[in-house]
């Protein structure tokens, strides 16, 4: 399933039954956005019962970011993506070009 976030930074997915036993959230790759959550598997019952927050990634471009939410409500998965300004896009390009 593919969904784009709204202006509020939220993407809503409607998952039909039968529900899968686990979920993966994979941020779309774009030059302007940088995934700041580790890729991980979330158990569906836990997501439905209490919601989950993805583990923050320890990448240089993800340091010192702020977030409106560090908690999740039942049925929510919270992941972090940093919108990069032109200077950070350039730094990302250089980092990926020289460090793979």
Protein backbone atom coordinates (compact mmCIF):
# COMPACT_ATOMS: atom_id res chain seq x y z
CA UNK A 1 0.00 0.00 0.00
CA UNK A 2 1.28 3.44 -0.86
CA UNK A 3 0.06 6.65 0.72
CA UNK A 4 1.34 10.21 0.71
CA UNK A 5 1.27 12.29 3.88
CA UNK A 6 -1.04 15.26 4.13
CA UNK A 7 0.03 18.76 5.12
CA UNK A 8 -0.20 17.65 8.75
CA UNK A 9 2.42 14.94 8.13
CA UNK A 10 -0.06 12.10 8.61
CA UNK A 11 -0.75 9.24 6.20
CA UNK A 12 -3.79 7.08 6.89
CA UNK A 13 -3.97 3.48 5.74
CA UNK A 14 -7.08 1.32 5.82
CA UNK A 15 -6.08 -2.35 6.11
CA UNK A 16 -8.75 -4.86 5.14
CA UNK A 17 -9.37 -8.16 6.87
CA UNK A 18 -7.92 -10.61 7.39
CA UNK A 19 -5.26 -8.49 9.06
CA UNK A 20 -1.63 -9.48 8.53
CA UNK A 21 0.21 -10.69 11.65
CA UNK A 22 2.81 -7.93 11.29
CA UNK A 23 3.39 -4.65 9.48
CA UNK A 24 6.40 -2.94 7.91
CA UNK A 25 6.52 0.79 7.27
CA UNK A 26 8.93 1.71 4.49
CA UNK A 27 9.33 5.44 3.84
CA UNK A 28 9.40 6.39 0.18
CA UNK A 29 12.86 7.35 -1.02
CA UNK A 30 13.14 10.93 -2.15
CA UNK A 31 15.95 13.47 -2.22
CA UNK A 32 13.91 15.93 -0.14
CA UNK A 33 12.97 13.49 2.64
CA UNK A 34 15.19 11.38 4.86
CA UNK A 35 13.93 8.41 6.85
CA UNK A 36 14.87 8.85 10.50
CA UNK A 37 13.28 5.65 11.80
CA UNK A 38 14.99 2.27 11.75
CA UNK A 39 13.39 -0.25 9.42
CA UNK A 40 11.54 -2.65 11.68
CA UNK A 41 8.60 -4.99 11.91
CA UNK A 42 5.56 -4.11 14.04
CA UNK A 43 3.20 -6.73 15.42
CA UNK A 44 -0.39 -6.00 14.34
CA UNK A 45 -2.01 -6.86 17.73
CA UNK A 46 0.34 -4.41 19.49
CA UNK A 47 -0.42 -1.68 16.93
CA UNK A 48 -4.15 -2.17 17.42
CA UNK A 49 -3.97 -2.42 21.22
CA UNK A 50 -1.69 0.52 22.08
CA UNK A 51 -0.01 1.88 18.95
CA UNK A 52 3.75 1.87 18.37
CA UNK A 53 6.54 4.40 17.80
CA UNK A 54 9.40 3.40 15.52
CA UNK A 55 12.94 3.37 16.85
CA UNK A 56 14.85 6.53 15.86
CA UNK A 57 17.76 5.99 13.47
CA UNK A 58 21.19 7.30 14.38
CA UNK A 59 22.07 8.98 11.09
CA UNK A 60 23.84 12.37 11.00
CA UNK A 61 20.92 13.98 9.14
CA UNK A 62 18.49 12.77 11.81
CA UNK A 63 20.14 14.41 14.79
CA UNK A 64 18.54 17.41 16.48
CA UNK A 65 15.11 17.00 14.92
CA UNK A 66 11.89 17.81 16.72
CA UNK A 67 8.57 16.07 16.56
CA UNK A 68 5.01 16.94 17.46
CA UNK A 69 4.36 13.42 18.73
CA UNK A 70 6.45 10.86 20.55
CA UNK A 71 3.49 8.68 21.50
CA UNK A 72 1.07 6.61 19.47
CA UNK A 73 -2.62 5.97 20.00
CA UNK A 74 -4.25 2.57 19.43
CA UNK A 75 -4.07 1.72 15.75
CA UNK A 76 -1.23 4.17 15.01
CA UNK A 77 2.37 3.63 13.90
CA UNK A 78 4.56 6.72 14.33
CA UNK A 79 7.71 6.98 12.18
CA UNK A 80 10.01 9.94 11.68
CA UNK A 81 11.03 11.50 8.38
CA UNK A 82 13.04 14.67 8.12
CA UNK A 83 12.30 17.16 5.35
CA UNK A 84 15.66 18.38 4.07
CA UNK A 85 16.29 21.95 3.04
CA UNK A 86 18.51 22.59 -0.04
CA UNK A 87 21.72 22.74 2.04
CA UNK A 88 20.97 19.41 3.75
CA UNK A 89 20.05 17.83 0.40
CA UNK A 90 23.49 18.84 -0.88
CA UNK A 91 25.18 17.42 2.25
CA UNK A 92 23.20 14.20 1.82
CA UNK A 93 24.28 13.96 -1.81
CA UNK A 94 27.94 14.38 -0.84
CA UNK A 95 27.66 11.87 2.01
CA UNK A 96 26.04 9.23 -0.19
CA UNK A 97 28.45 9.89 -3.06
CA UNK A 98 31.55 9.37 -0.90
CA UNK A 99 30.26 6.91 1.70
CA UNK A 100 27.93 4.73 -0.32
